[in-house]
Amino acid sequence: MLNDMNAKGTKTSFVDLLKRIGTTSVVAFSALAFPSVLPWMIAFWIACHTVLAKLKRPAWAPLVICLVILIAKLVPRTPAMLTFGVVLAAVVAIRFEYRKQPEDAPRWWIGAAVLWIAWAAVLIEWNAIERCDSPLAFNPNRTVVCIGDSLTDGLLPDHGYPEQLKAMVSVPVVNLGFSGISAAQALGQMNRVLAEDPQVVVIELGGHDFLRGHGRKATKRYLTEMIKECRAGGADVVLMEIPRGFIFDPYASLEREIAYEQDVQLVSDTWLRQIVILGPAAPPGRWIPDLRLSDDGIHSNQKGSQSIAKHVLAALKDMYGSQIVASEH
């Protein structure tokens, strides 16, 4: 009998260990979620809350985890996201109050319904941020100009994603990337950019501003001024989101905030995170031969640049339709 009890206790401990490992893994993956999938990460934790609440079990923990992750990731302070944060905090407070007697809590579906409605607003806003809502007219005689740092300029023998983009679009592509350039320095290059008569300017800047310790406020001002000068010159804008950390962005979703305020097309930072994951330092890159980063582990190789170009192409196609896509693509 004692052996049976010991075996049962060992089995219970093992199950508890698996639960802890599973929970820790899910939390870790949630913290590492790309901006492009952030709404679905939120949906996962709301779903966990909904199931627990329906079963009349303590349902506050999934919401607390979700709230902490959102705060840590410094998500953009947009209307729908701020509203969701308030709703989330309110439901957490209510559920925590009834944590010891969940059966006495208000009807489970009320809080769940409010959360799902607020989440739907976040999803709509999140997708809208990445798309330019202004009417755009495609001109086949004008260029695509790409301005940015070394990720645009390229590291030889790779010539950067604009070189790959040339074969994907039906208009000329001009690469004005320069290694190590900051947003402030790029602003001084706008005459050179507009001299190319661009249909659209693809901006990939802000990484070196962070590395040099420039403030978020100043970087935002430079990028915003670049966008305004592009539009004054008759050019549309694609803004590439720059990841400055895997779990949180010290610049607090700067590019998303600018895209929301200025209504420009945004390329989610998935473009860079994907090639980093397939680099020599990250486990997936170590396990498969299809590396996307050069040996320095920072700059894209030709495969990585092709991957970046495809993300930019998707943004251009979303703006102008299939007419900007080269016939062979």
C-alpha atoms as a PDB file:
ATOM      1  CA  MET A   1       0.000   0.000   0.000  1.00  0.00           C
ATOM      2  CA  LEU A   2       2.863   2.345   0.868  1.00  0.00           C
ATOM      3  CA  ASN A   3       4.442   1.574  -2.507  1.00  0.00           C
ATOM      4  CA  ASP A   4       1.165   2.449  -4.227  1.00  0.00           C
ATOM      5  CA  MET A   5       1.034   5.771  -2.402  1.00  0.00           C
ATOM      6  CA  ASN A   6       4.633   6.541  -3.333  1.00  0.00           C
ATOM      7  CA  ALA A   7       3.961   5.645  -6.955  1.00  0.00           C
ATOM      8  CA  LYS A   8       0.863   7.839  -6.990  1.00  0.00           C
ATOM      9  CA  GLY A   9       2.788  10.718  -5.432  1.00  0.00           C
ATOM     10  CA  THR A  10       5.602  10.332  -7.960  1.00  0.00           C
ATOM     11  CA  LYS A  11       3.102  10.308 -10.824  1.00  0.00           C
ATOM     12  CA  THR A  12       1.397  13.438  -9.473  1.00  0.00           C
ATOM     13  CA  SER A  13       4.739  15.219  -9.100  1.00  0.00           C
ATOM     14  CA  PHE A  14       5.672  14.278 -12.661  1.00  0.00           C
ATOM     15  CA  VAL A  15       2.349  15.597 -14.009  1.00  0.00           C
ATOM     16  CA  ASP A  16       2.812  18.828 -12.055  1.00  0.00           C
ATOM     17  CA  LEU A  17       6.309  19.166 -13.485  1.00  0.00           C
ATOM     18  CA  LEU A  18       5.004  18.717 -17.028  1.00  0.00           C
ATOM     19  CA  LYS A  19       2.328  21.343 -16.382  1.00  0.00           C
ATOM     20  CA  ARG A  20       4.924  23.802 -15.122  1.00  0.00           C
ATOM     21  CA  ILE A  21       7.207  23.164 -18.086  1.00  0.00           C
ATOM     22  CA  GLY A  22       4.263  23.544 -20.470  1.00  0.00           C
ATOM     23  CA  THR A  23       3.112  26.794 -18.860  1.00  0.00           C
ATOM     24  CA  THR A  24       6.630  28.223 -18.809  1.00  0.00           C
ATOM     25  CA  SER A  25       7.129  27.322 -22.470  1.00  0.00           C
ATOM     26  CA  VAL A  26       3.856  28.940 -23.516  1.00  0.00           C
ATOM     27  CA  VAL A  27       4.676  32.099 -21.557  1.00  0.00           C
ATOM     28  CA  ALA A  28       8.135  32.220 -23.164  1.00  0.00           C
ATOM     29  CA  PHE A  29       6.706  31.815 -26.673  1.00  0.00           C
ATOM     30  CA  SER A  30       4.128  34.495 -25.905  1.00  0.00           C
ATOM     31  CA  ALA A  31       6.821  36.905 -24.771  1.00  0.00           C
ATOM     32  CA  LEU A  32       8.729  36.246 -28.004  1.00  0.00           C
ATOM     33  CA  ALA A  33       5.664  36.742 -30.226  1.00  0.00           C
ATOM     34  CA  PHE A  34       6.300  38.858 -33.321  1.00  0.00           C
ATOM     35  CA  PRO A  35       4.156  41.995 -33.684  1.00  0.00           C
ATOM     36  CA  SER A  36       2.430  40.382 -36.664  1.00  0.00           C
ATOM     37  CA  VAL A  37       1.028  37.617 -34.430  1.00  0.00           C
ATOM     38  CA  LEU A  38       0.558  39.621 -31.220  1.00  0.00           C
ATOM     39  CA  PRO A  39      -3.261  39.754 -31.491  1.00  0.00           C
ATOM     40  CA  TRP A  40      -3.343  35.960 -31.739  1.00  0.00           C
ATOM     41  CA  MET A  41      -1.114  35.637 -28.674  1.00  0.00           C
ATOM     42  CA  ILE A  42      -3.656  37.787 -26.826  1.00  0.00           C
ATOM     43  CA  ALA A  43      -6.474  35.615 -28.182  1.00  0.00           C
ATOM     44  CA  PHE A  44      -4.789  32.492 -26.777  1.00  0.00           C
ATOM     45  CA  TRP A  45      -4.772  33.851 -23.220  1.00  0.00           C
ATOM     46  CA  ILE A  46      -8.340  35.139 -23.504  1.00  0.00           C
ATOM     47  CA  ALA A  47      -9.364  31.665 -24.666  1.00  0.00           C
ATOM     48  CA  CYS A  48      -7.643  30.109 -21.620  1.00  0.00           C
ATOM     49  CA  HIS A  49      -9.506  32.546 -19.388  1.00  0.00           C
ATOM     50  CA  THR A  50     -12.815  31.800 -21.106  1.00  0.00           C
ATOM     51  CA  VAL A  51     -12.470  28.039 -20.619  1.00  0.00           C
ATOM     52  CA  LEU A  52     -11.464  28.347 -16.960  1.00  0.00           C
ATOM     53  CA  ALA A  53     -14.257  30.825 -16.241  1.00  0.00           C
ATOM     54  CA  LYS A  54     -16.836  28.545 -17.844  1.00  0.00           C
ATOM     55  CA  LEU A  55     -15.592  25.656 -15.691  1.00  0.00           C
ATOM     56  CA  LYS A  56     -15.960  27.928 -12.639  1.00  0.00           C
ATOM     57  CA  ARG A  57     -12.275  27.691 -11.862  1.00  0.00           C
ATOM     58  CA  PRO A  58      -9.932  30.586 -10.977  1.00  0.00           C
ATOM     59  CA  ALA A  59      -9.567  32.397 -14.298  1.00  0.00           C
ATOM     60  CA  TRP A  60      -7.484  35.434 -13.460  1.00  0.00           C
ATOM     61  CA  ALA A  61      -3.992  33.971 -14.000  1.00  0.00           C
ATOM     62  CA  PRO A  62      -4.107  33.832 -17.863  1.00  0.00           C
ATOM     63  CA  LEU A  63      -5.208  37.457 -17.967  1.00  0.00           C
ATOM     64  CA  VAL A  64      -2.451  38.546 -15.585  1.00  0.00           C
ATOM     65  CA  ILE A  65       0.123  36.781 -17.775  1.00  0.00           C
ATOM     66  CA  CYS A  66      -1.287  38.486 -20.862  1.00  0.00           C
ATOM     67  CA  LEU A  67      -1.302  41.913 -19.179  1.00  0.00           C
ATOM     68  CA  VAL A  68       2.289  41.550 -17.955  1.00  0.00           C
ATOM     69  CA  ILE A  69       3.497  40.495 -21.422  1.00  0.00           C
ATOM     70  CA  LEU A  70       1.767  43.450 -23.088  1.00  0.00           C
ATOM     71  CA  ILE A  71       3.294  45.872 -20.594  1.00  0.00           C
ATOM     72  CA  ALA A  72       6.749  44.309 -21.006  1.00  0.00           C
ATOM     73  CA  LYS A  73       6.543  44.418 -24.802  1.00  0.00           C
ATOM     74  CA  LEU A  74       5.714  48.153 -24.741  1.00  0.00           C
ATOM     75  CA  VAL A  75       2.924  47.853 -27.305  1.00  0.00           C
ATOM     76  CA  PRO A  76       1.837  51.031 -29.150  1.00  0.00           C
ATOM     77  CA  ARG A  77      -0.460  53.384 -27.271  1.00  0.00           C
ATOM     78  CA  THR A  78      -3.250  53.375 -29.852  1.00  0.00           C
ATOM     79  CA  PRO A  79      -6.966  53.787 -28.966  1.00  0.00           C
ATOM     80  CA  ALA A  80      -8.001  50.146 -29.342  1.00  0.00           C
ATOM     81  CA  MET A  81      -4.915  48.836 -27.528  1.00  0.00           C
ATOM     82  CA  LEU A  82      -5.327  51.273 -24.643  1.00  0.00           C
ATOM     83  CA  THR A  83      -9.022  50.405 -24.372  1.00  0.00           C
ATOM     84  CA  PHE A  84      -8.198  46.712 -24.348  1.00  0.00           C
ATOM     85  CA  GLY A  85      -5.641  47.280 -21.596  1.00  0.00           C
ATOM     86  CA  VAL A  86      -8.243  48.995 -19.410  1.00  0.00           C
ATOM     87  CA  VAL A  87     -10.799  46.224 -20.049  1.00  0.00           C
ATOM     88  CA  LEU A  88      -8.197  43.547 -19.370  1.00  0.00           C
ATOM     89  CA  ALA A  89      -7.127  45.151 -16.086  1.00  0.00           C
ATOM     90  CA  ALA A  90     -10.769  45.513 -14.993  1.00  0.00           C
ATOM     91  CA  VAL A  91     -11.606  41.860 -15.671  1.00  0.00           C
ATOM     92  CA  VAL A  92      -8.399  40.784 -13.894  1.00  0.00           C
ATOM     93  CA  ALA A  93      -9.407  42.821 -10.830  1.00  0.00           C
ATOM     94  CA  ILE A  94     -12.876  41.263 -10.769  1.00  0.00           C
ATOM     95  CA  ARG A  95     -11.630  37.723 -11.278  1.00  0.00           C
ATOM     96  CA  PHE A  96      -8.895  38.157  -8.678  1.00  0.00           C
ATOM     97  CA  GLU A  97     -11.479  39.357  -6.176  1.00  0.00           C
ATOM     98  CA  TYR A  98     -13.361  36.084  -6.618  1.00  0.00           C
ATOM     99  CA  ARG A  99     -10.272  33.875  -6.962  1.00  0.00           C
ATOM    100  CA  LYS A 100     -11.134  31.762  -3.893  1.00  0.00           C
ATOM    101  CA  GLN A 101     -14.808  31.459  -4.761  1.00  0.00           C
ATOM    102  CA  PRO A 102     -15.014  31.591  -8.579  1.00  0.00           C
ATOM    103  CA  GLU A 103     -18.539  30.156  -8.491  1.00  0.00           C
ATOM    104  CA  ASP A 104     -19.721  33.407  -6.872  1.00  0.00           C
ATOM    105  CA  ALA A 105     -18.209  35.620  -9.581  1.00  0.00           C
ATOM    106  CA  PRO A 106     -20.496  37.442 -12.041  1.00  0.00           C
ATOM    107  CA  ARG A 107     -21.696  35.360 -14.982  1.00  0.00           C
ATOM    108  CA  TRP A 108     -18.564  34.037 -16.673  1.00  0.00           C
ATOM    109  CA  TRP A 109     -19.636  34.945 -20.174  1.00  0.00           C
ATOM    110  CA  ILE A 110     -20.004  38.669 -19.449  1.00  0.00           C
ATOM    111  CA  GLY A 111     -16.319  39.275 -18.825  1.00  0.00           C
ATOM    112  CA  ALA A 112     -15.352  36.929 -21.647  1.00  0.00           C
ATOM    113  CA  ALA A 113     -17.658  38.688 -24.094  1.00  0.00           C
ATOM    114  CA  VAL A 114     -16.310  42.121 -23.188  1.00  0.00           C
ATOM    115  CA  LEU A 115     -12.751  40.859 -23.609  1.00  0.00           C
ATOM    116  CA  TRP A 116     -13.456  39.302 -27.010  1.00  0.00           C
ATOM    117  CA  ILE A 117     -15.147  42.480 -28.248  1.00  0.00           C
ATOM    118  CA  ALA A 118     -12.183  44.586 -27.098  1.00  0.00           C
ATOM    119  CA  TRP A 119      -9.831  42.074 -28.719  1.00  0.00           C
ATOM    120  CA  ALA A 120     -11.704  42.280 -32.037  1.00  0.00           C
ATOM    121  CA  ALA A 121     -11.164  46.050 -31.992  1.00  0.00           C
ATOM    122  CA  VAL A 122      -7.426  45.476 -31.389  1.00  0.00           C
ATOM    123  CA  LEU A 123      -7.233  43.026 -34.307  1.00  0.00           C
ATOM    124  CA  ILE A 124      -8.966  45.429 -36.682  1.00  0.00           C
ATOM    125  CA  GLU A 125      -6.772  48.326 -35.589  1.00  0.00           C
ATOM    126  CA  TRP A 126      -3.593  46.187 -35.687  1.00  0.00           C
ATOM    127  CA  ASN A 127      -4.222  45.176 -39.296  1.00  0.00           C
ATOM    128  CA  ALA A 128      -5.233  48.719 -40.244  1.00  0.00           C
ATOM    129  CA  ILE A 129      -1.949  50.116 -38.864  1.00  0.00           C
ATOM    130  CA  GLU A 130       0.035  48.046 -41.354  1.00  0.00           C
ATOM    131  CA  ARG A 131      -1.935  49.324 -44.355  1.00  0.00           C
ATOM    132  CA  CYS A 132      -2.053  52.761 -45.913  1.00  0.00           C
ATOM    133  CA  ASP A 133      -5.683  53.834 -46.256  1.00  0.00           C
ATOM    134  CA  SER A 134      -5.023  56.801 -48.550  1.00  0.00           C
ATOM    135  CA  PRO A 135      -5.921  56.290 -52.240  1.00  0.00           C
ATOM    136  CA  LEU A 136      -2.776  55.546 -54.242  1.00  0.00           C
ATOM    137  CA  ALA A 137      -2.241  55.802 -57.995  1.00  0.00           C
ATOM    138  CA  PHE A 138       0.456  53.670 -59.592  1.00  0.00           C
ATOM    139  CA  ASN A 139       2.781  55.311 -62.134  1.00  0.00           C
ATOM    140  CA  PRO A 140       4.831  52.768 -64.132  1.00  0.00           C
ATOM    141  CA  ASN A 141       7.383  55.434 -65.070  1.00  0.00           C
ATOM    142  CA  ARG A 142       8.545  56.239 -61.549  1.00  0.00           C
ATOM    143  CA  THR A 143      11.032  54.442 -59.329  1.00  0.00           C
ATOM    144  CA  VAL A 144      11.121  52.636 -56.010  1.00  0.00           C
ATOM    145  CA  VAL A 145      13.821  54.184 -53.809  1.00  0.00           C
ATOM    146  CA  CYS A 146      15.129  52.226 -50.822  1.00  0.00           C
ATOM    147  CA  ILE A 147      16.939  54.187 -48.113  1.00  0.00           C
ATOM    148  CA  GLY A 148      18.352  52.576 -45.002  1.00  0.00           C
ATOM    149  CA  ASP A 149      21.431  51.294 -43.215  1.00  0.00           C
ATOM    150  CA  SER A 150      23.547  48.209 -43.931  1.00  0.00           C
ATOM    151  CA  LEU A 151      20.482  45.967 -44.075  1.00  0.00           C
ATOM    152  CA  THR A 152      19.496  47.960 -47.167  1.00  0.00           C
ATOM    153  CA  ASP A 153      23.000  48.626 -48.448  1.00  0.00           C
ATOM    154  CA  GLY A 154      24.010  44.974 -48.155  1.00  0.00           C
ATOM    155  CA  LEU A 155      27.226  43.249 -47.090  1.00  0.00           C
ATOM    156  CA  LEU A 156      29.317  42.030 -50.034  1.00  0.00           C
ATOM    157  CA  PRO A 157      28.976  39.750 -51.859  1.00  0.00           C
ATOM    158  CA  ASP A 158      25.303  40.500 -51.158  1.00  0.00           C
ATOM    159  CA  HIS A 159      24.011  43.839 -52.438  1.00  0.00           C
ATOM    160  CA  GLY A 160      21.026  44.129 -50.099  1.00  0.00           C
ATOM    161  CA  TYR A 161      17.338  43.417 -50.554  1.00  0.00           C
ATOM    162  CA  PRO A 162      16.841  46.190 -53.212  1.00  0.00           C
ATOM    163  CA  GLU A 163      18.968  44.130 -55.618  1.00  0.00           C
ATOM    164  CA  GLN A 164      16.579  41.196 -55.143  1.00  0.00           C
ATOM    165  CA  LEU A 165      13.561  43.492 -55.353  1.00  0.00           C
ATOM    166  CA  LYS A 166      14.604  44.680 -58.816  1.00  0.00           C
ATOM    167  CA  ALA A 167      13.649  41.332 -60.306  1.00  0.00           C
ATOM    168  CA  MET A 168      10.308  41.290 -58.498  1.00  0.00           C
ATOM    169  CA  VAL A 169       8.806  44.631 -59.534  1.00  0.00           C
ATOM    170  CA  SER A 170       7.950  46.200 -62.870  1.00  0.00           C
ATOM    171  CA  VAL A 171       9.666  49.543 -62.157  1.00  0.00           C
ATOM    172  CA  PRO A 172      13.296  50.529 -61.507  1.00  0.00           C
ATOM    173  CA  VAL A 173      14.633  50.137 -57.965  1.00  0.00           C
ATOM    174  CA  VAL A 174      17.291  52.504 -56.609  1.00  0.00           C
ATOM    175  CA  ASN A 175      19.362  51.467 -53.594  1.00  0.00           C
ATOM    176  CA  LEU A 176      20.386  54.466 -51.486  1.00  0.00           C
ATOM    177  CA  GLY A 177      21.348  52.399 -48.461  1.00  0.00           C
ATOM    178  CA  PHE A 178      24.424  53.388 -46.475  1.00  0.00           C
ATOM    179  CA  SER A 179      26.000  51.310 -43.715  1.00  0.00           C
ATOM    180  CA  GLY A 180      25.709  52.812 -40.242  1.00  0.00           C
ATOM    181  CA  ILE A 181      23.402  55.659 -41.249  1.00  0.00           C
ATOM    182  CA  SER A 182      20.980  57.057 -38.671  1.00  0.00           C
ATOM    183  CA  ALA A 183      17.586  58.660 -39.247  1.00  0.00           C
ATOM    184  CA  ALA A 184      19.073  62.105 -38.622  1.00  0.00           C
ATOM    185  CA  GLN A 185      21.732  61.526 -41.285  1.00  0.00           C
ATOM    186  CA  ALA A 186      19.204  60.080 -43.725  1.00  0.00           C
ATOM    187  CA  LEU A 187      17.036  63.172 -43.356  1.00  0.00           C
ATOM    188  CA  GLY A 188      19.928  65.136 -44.833  1.00  0.00           C
ATOM    189  CA  GLN A 189      19.827  62.853 -47.892  1.00  0.00           C
ATOM    190  CA  MET A 190      16.242  63.648 -48.893  1.00  0.00           C
ATOM    191  CA  ASN A 191      17.246  65.863 -51.829  1.00  0.00           C
ATOM    192  CA  ARG A 192      19.149  62.906 -53.220  1.00  0.00           C
ATOM    193  CA  VAL A 193      16.167  60.626 -52.631  1.00  0.00           C
ATOM    194  CA  LEU A 194      13.638  62.923 -54.316  1.00  0.00           C
ATOM    195  CA  ALA A 195      16.001  63.539 -57.246  1.00  0.00           C
ATOM    196  CA  GLU A 196      15.226  59.945 -58.319  1.00  0.00           C
ATOM    197  CA  ASP A 197      11.532  60.916 -58.805  1.00  0.00           C
ATOM    198  CA  PRO A 198      10.299  58.036 -56.627  1.00  0.00           C
ATOM    199  CA  GLN A 199       6.816  56.584 -56.792  1.00  0.00           C
ATOM    200  CA  VAL A 200       7.466  55.209 -53.324  1.00  0.00           C
ATOM    201  CA  VAL A 201      10.284  55.440 -50.775  1.00  0.00           C
ATOM    202  CA  VAL A 202      11.033  52.406 -48.606  1.00  0.00           C
ATOM    203  CA  ILE A 203      12.506  53.549 -45.281  1.00  0.00           C
ATOM    204  CA  GLU A 204      14.539  51.124 -43.145  1.00  0.00           C
ATOM    205  CA  LEU A 205      16.044  53.279 -40.400  1.00  0.00           C
ATOM    206  CA  GLY A 206      16.207  53.663 -36.642  1.00  0.00           C
ATOM    207  CA  GLY A 207      18.379  50.724 -35.646  1.00  0.00           C
ATOM    208  CA  HIS A 208      21.576  52.776 -35.477  1.00  0.00           C
ATOM    209  CA  ASP A 209      19.758  55.593 -33.671  1.00  0.00           C
ATOM    210  CA  PHE A 210      19.117  53.117 -30.859  1.00  0.00           C
ATOM    211  CA  LEU A 211      22.662  51.727 -30.955  1.00  0.00           C
ATOM    212  CA  ARG A 212      24.083  55.249 -30.676  1.00  0.00           C
ATOM    213  CA  GLY A 213      21.855  56.127 -27.749  1.00  0.00           C
ATOM    214  CA  HIS A 214      19.671  58.599 -29.618  1.00  0.00           C
ATOM    215  CA  GLY A 215      16.331  59.243 -27.946  1.00  0.00           C
ATOM    216  CA  ARG A 216      13.046  57.829 -29.167  1.00  0.00           C
ATOM    217  CA  LYS A 217      11.517  61.288 -29.428  1.00  0.00           C
ATOM    218  CA  ALA A 218      14.284  62.590 -31.703  1.00  0.00           C
ATOM    219  CA  THR A 219      14.219  59.468 -33.888  1.00  0.00           C
ATOM    220  CA  LYS A 220      10.470  59.786 -34.287  1.00  0.00           C
ATOM    221  CA  ARG A 221      10.862  63.423 -35.302  1.00  0.00           C
ATOM    222  CA  TYR A 222      13.443  62.576 -37.984  1.00  0.00           C
ATOM    223  CA  LEU A 223      11.420  59.704 -39.435  1.00  0.00           C
ATOM    224  CA  THR A 224       8.230  61.754 -39.431  1.00  0.00           C
ATOM    225  CA  GLU A 225       9.996  64.623 -41.203  1.00  0.00           C
ATOM    226  CA  MET A 226      11.290  62.195 -43.835  1.00  0.00           C
ATOM    227  CA  ILE A 227       7.751  60.965 -44.464  1.00  0.00           C
ATOM    228  CA  LYS A 228       6.472  64.504 -44.810  1.00  0.00           C
ATOM    229  CA  GLU A 229       9.246  65.427 -47.249  1.00  0.00           C
ATOM    230  CA  CYS A 230       8.516  62.315 -49.323  1.00  0.00           C
ATOM    231  CA  ARG A 231       4.868  63.246 -49.573  1.00  0.00           C
ATOM    232  CA  ALA A 232       5.701  66.859 -50.381  1.00  0.00           C
ATOM    233  CA  GLY A 233       7.763  65.463 -53.269  1.00  0.00           C
ATOM    234  CA  GLY A 234       4.839  63.353 -54.478  1.00  0.00           C
ATOM    235  CA  ALA A 235       6.184  60.027 -53.175  1.00  0.00           C
ATOM    236  CA  ASP A 236       4.384  57.417 -51.105  1.00  0.00           C
ATOM    237  CA  VAL A 237       6.123  55.734 -48.164  1.00  0.00           C
ATOM    238  CA  VAL A 238       6.734  52.216 -46.900  1.00  0.00           C
ATOM    239  CA  LEU A 239       8.115  52.142 -43.350  1.00  0.00           C
ATOM    240  CA  MET A 240       9.967  49.041 -42.188  1.00  0.00           C
ATOM    241  CA  GLU A 241       9.545  48.135 -38.529  1.00  0.00           C
ATOM    242  CA  ILE A 242      12.864  47.664 -36.710  1.00  0.00           C
ATOM    243  CA  PRO A 243      13.115  45.099 -33.883  1.00  0.00           C
ATOM    244  CA  ARG A 244      15.420  46.330 -31.126  1.00  0.00           C
ATOM    245  CA  GLY A 245      14.889  43.358 -28.843  1.00  0.00           C
ATOM    246  CA  PHE A 246      13.225  39.961 -28.942  1.00  0.00           C
ATOM    247  CA  ILE A 247      10.938  40.358 -25.931  1.00  0.00           C
ATOM    248  CA  PHE A 248      10.476  44.118 -25.743  1.00  0.00           C
ATOM    249  CA  ASP A 249      11.316  47.124 -27.891  1.00  0.00           C
ATOM    250  CA  PRO A 250      13.075  49.925 -25.963  1.00  0.00           C
ATOM    251  CA  TYR A 251      11.635  52.356 -28.515  1.00  0.00           C
ATOM    252  CA  ALA A 252       8.110  51.191 -27.620  1.00  0.00           C
ATOM    253  CA  SER A 253       6.761  50.245 -31.058  1.00  0.00           C
ATOM    254  CA  LEU A 254       7.990  53.491 -32.606  1.00  0.00           C
ATOM    255  CA  GLU A 255       7.345  52.555 -36.236  1.00  0.00           C
ATOM    256  CA  ARG A 256       3.818  51.319 -35.509  1.00  0.00           C
ATOM    257  CA  GLU A 257       3.039  54.556 -33.747  1.00  0.00           C
ATOM    258  CA  ILE A 258       4.328  56.542 -36.730  1.00  0.00           C
ATOM    259  CA  ALA A 259       2.438  54.341 -39.204  1.00  0.00           C
ATOM    260  CA  TYR A 260      -0.753  54.891 -37.208  1.00  0.00           C
ATOM    261  CA  GLU A 261      -0.304  58.665 -37.035  1.00  0.00           C
ATOM    262  CA  GLN A 262       0.979  59.226 -40.586  1.00  0.00           C
ATOM    263  CA  ASP A 263      -1.040  56.533 -42.393  1.00  0.00           C
ATOM    264  CA  VAL A 264       1.875  54.879 -44.173  1.00  0.00           C
ATOM    265  CA  GLN A 265       2.344  51.275 -45.227  1.00  0.00           C
ATOM    266  CA  LEU A 266       4.187  49.294 -42.540  1.00  0.00           C
ATOM    267  CA  VAL A 267       6.284  46.170 -43.029  1.00  0.00           C
ATOM    268  CA  SER A 268       6.019  44.261 -39.746  1.00  0.00           C
ATOM    269  CA  ASP A 269       9.356  43.474 -38.101  1.00  0.00           C
ATOM    270  CA  THR A 270       8.784  39.825 -39.000  1.00  0.00           C
ATOM    271  CA  TRP A 271      10.989  40.633 -42.020  1.00  0.00           C
ATOM    272  CA  LEU A 272      14.075  40.793 -39.810  1.00  0.00           C
ATOM    273  CA  ARG A 273      13.146  38.416 -37.012  1.00  0.00           C
ATOM    274  CA  GLN A 274      12.682  35.590 -39.523  1.00  0.00           C
ATOM    275  CA  ILE A 275      16.176  35.890 -40.953  1.00  0.00           C
ATOM    276  CA  VAL A 276      17.689  36.226 -37.455  1.00  0.00           C
ATOM    277  CA  ILE A 277      15.976  32.993 -36.414  1.00  0.00           C
ATOM    278  CA  LEU A 278      17.477  31.358 -39.494  1.00  0.00           C
ATOM    279  CA  GLY A 279      20.926  32.728 -38.681  1.00  0.00           C
ATOM    280  CA  PRO A 280      23.961  30.827 -37.361  1.00  0.00           C
ATOM    281  CA  ALA A 281      23.404  31.893 -33.746  1.00  0.00           C
ATOM    282  CA  ALA A 282      19.753  30.849 -33.281  1.00  0.00           C
ATOM    283  CA  PRO A 283      18.851  27.164 -32.785  1.00  0.00           C
ATOM    284  CA  PRO A 284      16.696  26.857 -35.949  1.00  0.00           C
ATOM    285  CA  GLY A 285      19.588  28.207 -38.002  1.00  0.00           C
ATOM    286  CA  ARG A 286      21.947  25.696 -36.424  1.00  0.00           C
ATOM    287  CA  TRP A 287      19.649  22.810 -37.233  1.00  0.00           C
ATOM    288  CA  ILE A 288      18.979  23.562 -40.900  1.00  0.00           C
ATOM    289  CA  PRO A 289      21.339  24.514 -43.724  1.00  0.00           C
ATOM    290  CA  ASP A 290      19.105  27.267 -45.155  1.00  0.00           C
ATOM    291  CA  LEU A 291      20.812  30.194 -43.378  1.00  0.00           C
ATOM    292  CA  ARG A 292      19.552  33.734 -44.032  1.00  0.00           C
ATOM    293  CA  LEU A 293      22.346  35.653 -42.288  1.00  0.00           C
ATOM    294  CA  SER A 294      25.975  36.107 -43.263  1.00  0.00           C
ATOM    295  CA  ASP A 295      28.756  34.699 -41.111  1.00  0.00           C
ATOM    296  CA  ASP A 296      28.810  37.839 -38.937  1.00  0.00           C
ATOM    297  CA  GLY A 297      25.329  36.918 -37.681  1.00  0.00           C
ATOM    298  CA  ILE A 298      24.059  40.474 -38.274  1.00  0.00           C
ATOM    299  CA  HIS A 299      23.651  41.136 -41.983  1.00  0.00           C
ATOM    300  CA  SER A 300      21.534  39.194 -44.432  1.00  0.00           C
ATOM    301  CA  ASN A 301      23.082  36.992 -47.073  1.00  0.00           C
ATOM    302  CA  GLN A 302      21.539  36.621 -50.535  1.00  0.00           C
ATOM    303  CA  LYS A 303      18.803  34.278 -49.290  1.00  0.00           C
ATOM    304  CA  GLY A 304      18.054  36.625 -46.425  1.00  0.00           C
ATOM    305  CA  SER A 305      17.873  39.620 -48.747  1.00  0.00           C
ATOM    306  CA  GLN A 306      15.514  37.722 -51.007  1.00  0.00           C
ATOM    307  CA  SER A 307      13.295  37.009 -47.997  1.00  0.00           C
ATOM    308  CA  ILE A 308      13.307  40.720 -47.046  1.00  0.00           C
ATOM    309  CA  ALA A 309      12.520  41.699 -50.632  1.00  0.00           C
ATOM    310  CA  LYS A 310       9.468  39.433 -50.606  1.00  0.00           C
ATOM    311  CA  HIS A 311       8.119  41.234 -47.526  1.00  0.00           C
ATOM    312  CA  VAL A 312       8.643  44.601 -49.223  1.00  0.00           C
ATOM    313  CA  LEU A 313       7.033  43.277 -52.409  1.00  0.00           C
ATOM    314  CA  ALA A 314       3.965  42.211 -50.424  1.00  0.00           C
ATOM    315  CA  ALA A 315       3.655  45.758 -49.052  1.00  0.00           C
ATOM    316  CA  LEU A 316       4.005  47.301 -52.520  1.00  0.00           C
ATOM    317  CA  LYS A 317       1.452  44.890 -53.961  1.00  0.00           C
ATOM    318  CA  ASP A 318      -0.940  45.771 -51.165  1.00  0.00           C
ATOM    319  CA  MET A 319      -0.527  49.452 -52.072  1.00  0.00           C
ATOM    320  CA  TYR A 320      -0.621  49.313 -55.876  1.00  0.00           C
ATOM    321  CA  GLY A 321      -2.001  45.918 -56.803  1.00  0.00           C
ATOM    322  CA  SER A 322      -0.462  43.356 -59.128  1.00  0.00           C
ATOM    323  CA  GLN A 323       0.545  45.986 -61.713  1.00  0.00           C
ATOM    324  CA  ILE A 324       3.722  46.742 -59.754  1.00  0.00           C
ATOM    325  CA  VAL A 325       4.726  43.060 -59.764  1.00  0.00           C
ATOM    326  CA  ALA A 326       7.060  41.924 -62.537  1.00  0.00           C
ATOM    327  CA  SER A 327       5.383  39.624 -65.052  1.00  0.00           C
ATOM    328  CA  GLU A 328       7.524  36.603 -64.137  1.00  0.00           C
ATOM    329  CA  HIS A 329       6.458  36.956 -60.501  1.00  0.00           C
END
